C-alpha atoms as a PDB file:
ATOM      1  CA  MET A   1      -1.769  11.348  15.078  1.00  0.00           C
ATOM      2  CA  ARG A   2      -3.961   8.439  14.834  1.00  0.00           C
ATOM      3  CA  LYS A   3      -1.865   5.793  12.214  1.00  0.00           C
ATOM      4  CA  SER A   4      -3.518   6.805   8.928  1.00  0.00           C
ATOM      5  CA  SER A   5      -4.547   3.822   6.288  1.00  0.00           C
ATOM      6  CA  ALA A   6      -3.663   5.923   3.051  1.00  0.00           C
ATOM      7  CA  GLN A   7      -0.088   5.513   1.170  1.00  0.00           C
ATOM      8  CA  TRP A   8       1.988   8.007   1.196  1.00  0.00           C
ATOM      9  CA  HIS A   9       2.442  10.024  -2.503  1.00  0.00           C
ATOM     10  CA  VAL A  10       4.830  11.689  -4.371  1.00  0.00           C
ATOM     11  CA  TYR A  11       4.795  15.254  -5.283  1.00  0.00           C
ATOM     12  CA  ARG A  12       7.695  17.563  -7.437  1.00  0.00           C
ATOM     13  CA  THR A  13       7.084  20.897  -8.120  1.00  0.00           C
ATOM     14  CA  ARG A  14       5.545  21.881 -11.512  1.00  0.00           C
ATOM     15  CA  PHE A  15       7.916  25.004 -12.587  1.00  0.00           C
ATOM     16  CA  LEU A  16      12.022  25.120 -13.583  1.00  0.00           C
ATOM     17  CA  ILE A  17      13.306  28.036 -11.598  1.00  0.00           C
ATOM     18  CA  LYS A  18      16.718  29.518 -11.832  1.00  0.00           C
ATOM     19  CA  ALA A  19      18.492  31.029  -9.065  1.00  0.00           C
ATOM     20  CA  LYS A  20      21.997  31.686  -7.095  1.00  0.00           C
ATOM     21  CA  GLN A  21      22.874  31.164  -3.318  1.00  0.00           C
ATOM     22  CA  LEU A  22      23.412  35.321  -2.624  1.00  0.00           C
ATOM     23  CA  THR A  23      26.388  36.133  -1.161  1.00  0.00           C
ATOM     24  CA  ALA A  24      25.859  39.424   0.369  1.00  0.00           C
ATOM     25  CA  ALA A  25      22.692  41.378   2.136  1.00  0.00           C
ATOM     26  CA  THR A  26      20.426  42.085  -1.158  1.00  0.00           C
ATOM     27  CA  ALA A  27      17.481  43.711  -1.259  1.00  0.00           C
ATOM     28  CA  PHE A  28      15.053  44.984  -4.169  1.00  0.00           C
ATOM     29  CA  VAL A  29      12.080  46.364  -5.590  1.00  0.00           C
ATOM     30  CA  ASP A  30      10.534  43.817  -8.179  1.00  0.00           C
ATOM     31  CA  VAL A  31       7.876  44.946 -11.052  1.00  0.00           C
ATOM     32  CA  LEU A  32       5.082  45.182  -8.703  1.00  0.00           C
ATOM     33  CA  GLY A  33       6.552  47.313  -6.530  1.00  0.00           C
ATOM     34  CA  ARG A  34       7.511  44.228  -3.866  1.00  0.00           C
ATOM     35  CA  GLU A  35       9.762  44.722  -1.659  1.00  0.00           C
ATOM     36  CA  HIS A  36      12.300  41.577  -1.564  1.00  0.00           C
ATOM     37  CA  HIS A  37      14.865  41.444   0.892  1.00  0.00           C
ATOM     38  CA  GLY A  38      17.436  38.046   1.843  1.00  0.00           C
ATOM     39  CA  LYS A  39      20.118  38.062   3.659  1.00  0.00           C
ATOM     40  CA  VAL A  40      23.457  35.783   2.968  1.00  0.00           C
ATOM     41  CA  GLY A  41      22.809  32.125   2.429  1.00  0.00           C
ATOM     42  CA  ASP A  42      19.170  33.165   0.979  1.00  0.00           C
ATOM     43  CA  TYR A  43      18.539  32.271  -3.157  1.00  0.00           C
ATOM     44  CA  LEU A  44      17.609  35.077  -5.445  1.00  0.00           C
ATOM     45  CA  VAL A  45      14.504  33.147  -7.265  1.00  0.00           C
ATOM     46  CA  GLU A  46      14.261  34.702 -11.339  1.00  0.00           C
ATOM     47  CA  SER A  47      11.636  32.576 -12.657  1.00  0.00           C
ATOM     48  CA  SER A  48      10.950  31.155 -16.267  1.00  0.00           C
ATOM     49  CA  ASP A  49       8.706  34.583 -17.175  1.00  0.00           C
ATOM     50  CA  GLY A  50      11.858  36.790 -15.784  1.00  0.00           C
ATOM     51  CA  THR A  51      10.110  37.553 -12.689  1.00  0.00           C
ATOM     52  CA  LEU A  52      12.993  37.626  -9.529  1.00  0.00           C
ATOM     53  CA  ARG A  53      12.091  36.763  -5.845  1.00  0.00           C
ATOM     54  CA  ILE A  54      14.195  35.784  -2.829  1.00  0.00           C
ATOM     55  CA  ALA A  55      13.513  32.514  -0.815  1.00  0.00           C
ATOM     56  CA  PRO A  56      14.711  32.436   2.683  1.00  0.00           C
ATOM     57  CA  LYS A  57      17.873  29.116   2.305  1.00  0.00           C
ATOM     58  CA  GLU A  58      16.271  27.204   4.797  1.00  0.00           C
ATOM     59  CA  ILE A  59      12.622  27.131   2.450  1.00  0.00           C
ATOM     60  CA  PHE A  60      14.532  26.575  -0.909  1.00  0.00           C
ATOM     61  CA  GLU A  61      17.297  24.128   0.291  1.00  0.00           C
ATOM     62  CA  ASP A  62      14.008  21.599   1.145  1.00  0.00           C
ATOM     63  CA  VAL A  63      11.529  22.619  -1.737  1.00  0.00           C
ATOM     64  CA  TYR A  64      14.056  22.577  -4.408  1.00  0.00           C
ATOM     65  CA  VAL A  65      16.679  20.008  -6.163  1.00  0.00           C
ATOM     66  CA  ALA A  66      19.101  21.143  -9.041  1.00  0.00           C
ATOM     67  CA  LEU A  67      18.578  19.098 -12.788  1.00  0.00           C
ATOM     68  CA  GLU A  68      22.183  20.140 -13.465  1.00  0.00           C
ATOM     69  CA  HIS A  69      24.896  21.920 -11.775  1.00  0.00           C
ATOM     70  CA  GLY A  70      25.952  24.827 -12.736  1.00  0.00           C
ATOM     71  CA  ASN A  71      23.194  25.161 -15.478  1.00  0.00           C
ATOM     72  CA  LYS A  72      23.005  28.143 -16.630  1.00  0.00           C
ATOM     73  CA  SER A  73      20.426  28.580 -19.444  1.00  0.00           C
ATOM     74  CA  TRP A  74      16.934  27.339 -19.782  1.00  0.00           C
ATOM     75  CA  PRO A  75      16.691  24.136 -21.827  1.00  0.00           C
ATOM     76  CA  GLU A  76      16.005  23.933 -24.897  1.00  0.00           C
ATOM     77  CA  VAL A  77      13.170  22.742 -26.050  1.00  0.00           C
ATOM     78  CA  LYS A  78      13.899  21.844 -30.106  1.00  0.00           C
ATOM     79  CA  MET A  79      11.145  20.652 -32.669  1.00  0.00           C
ATOM     80  CA  ASP A  80      11.711  20.135 -36.599  1.00  0.00           C
ATOM     81  CA  VAL A  81       8.606  21.757 -37.924  1.00  0.00           C
ATOM     82  CA  LYS A  82       8.298  19.405 -40.631  1.00  0.00           C
ATOM     83  CA  THR A  83       8.240  16.079 -38.375  1.00  0.00           C
ATOM     84  CA  ALA A  84       6.552  17.491 -35.326  1.00  0.00           C
ATOM     85  CA  PRO A  85       2.713  15.493 -34.650  1.00  0.00           C
ATOM     86  CA  LYS A  86       0.085  17.769 -36.123  1.00  0.00           C
ATOM     87  CA  MET A  87      -1.662  18.428 -33.106  1.00  0.00           C
ATOM     88  CA  ASP A  88      -6.002  19.026 -33.378  1.00  0.00           C
ATOM     89  CA  PHE A  89      -7.704  21.640 -30.370  1.00  0.00           C
ATOM     90  CA  PRO A  90     -10.711  22.133 -30.145  1.00  0.00           C
ATOM     91  CA  SER A  91     -11.988  25.488 -31.122  1.00  0.00           C
ATOM     92  CA  PRO A  92     -12.199  27.796 -28.412  1.00  0.00           C
ATOM     93  CA  SER A  93     -16.243  27.718 -29.558  1.00  0.00           C
ATOM     94  CA  ALA A  94     -16.510  24.438 -28.103  1.00  0.00           C
ATOM     95  CA  LEU A  95     -14.669  24.915 -25.241  1.00  0.00           C
ATOM     96  CA  VAL A  96     -17.336  26.833 -23.924  1.00  0.00           C
ATOM     97  CA  SER A  97     -20.421  25.423 -21.971  1.00  0.00           C
ATOM     98  CA  ARG A  98     -23.239  26.729 -22.898  1.00  0.00           C
ATOM     99  CA  PRO A  99     -26.704  26.177 -21.067  1.00  0.00           C
ATOM    100  CA  GLU A 100     -29.275  24.272 -23.713  1.00  0.00           C
ATOM    101  CA  GLY A 101     -31.639  25.399 -25.475  1.00  0.00           C
ATOM    102  CA  PHE A 102     -28.987  28.694 -25.906  1.00  0.00           C
ATOM    103  CA  ARG A 103     -28.810  29.628 -29.248  1.00  0.00           C
ATOM    104  CA  ALA A 104     -25.930  32.184 -30.632  1.00  0.00           C
ATOM    105  CA  VAL A 105     -26.632  34.994 -32.732  1.00  0.00           C
ATOM    106  CA  GLU A 106     -24.334  36.532 -35.083  1.00  0.00           C
ATOM    107  CA  LYS A 107     -23.817  39.539 -35.001  1.00  0.00           C
ATOM    108  CA  GLY A 108     -26.084  41.999 -36.655  1.00  0.00           C
ATOM    109  CA  GLY A 109     -28.851  39.176 -35.915  1.00  0.00           C
ATOM    110  CA  SER A 110     -31.814  38.672 -35.411  1.00  0.00           C
ATOM    111  CA  GLN A 111     -33.149  36.334 -32.254  1.00  0.00           C
END
């Protein structure tokens, strides 16, 4: 492998998960019909949308770092609506890219 002048970058995963280490072999079928199997030491992982999967111990412990030991609930986002900053979002039609010369026609209208 050649030594590169490129610098290393630090990455993190984008998603928060809850997990617990299995103390017994476990198997289940998820809501999509996929079979999951885990052995003692693997991790049962719950995503923020509630889906469950099993991650092998070696992969899980290589990828994830605990934020708080024993945190049993999802972090709460508390925002006072009265003091929250006003956010202006573009209309959905402003986000659609249209070819030059394209003209939207209202329903029931003519071209």
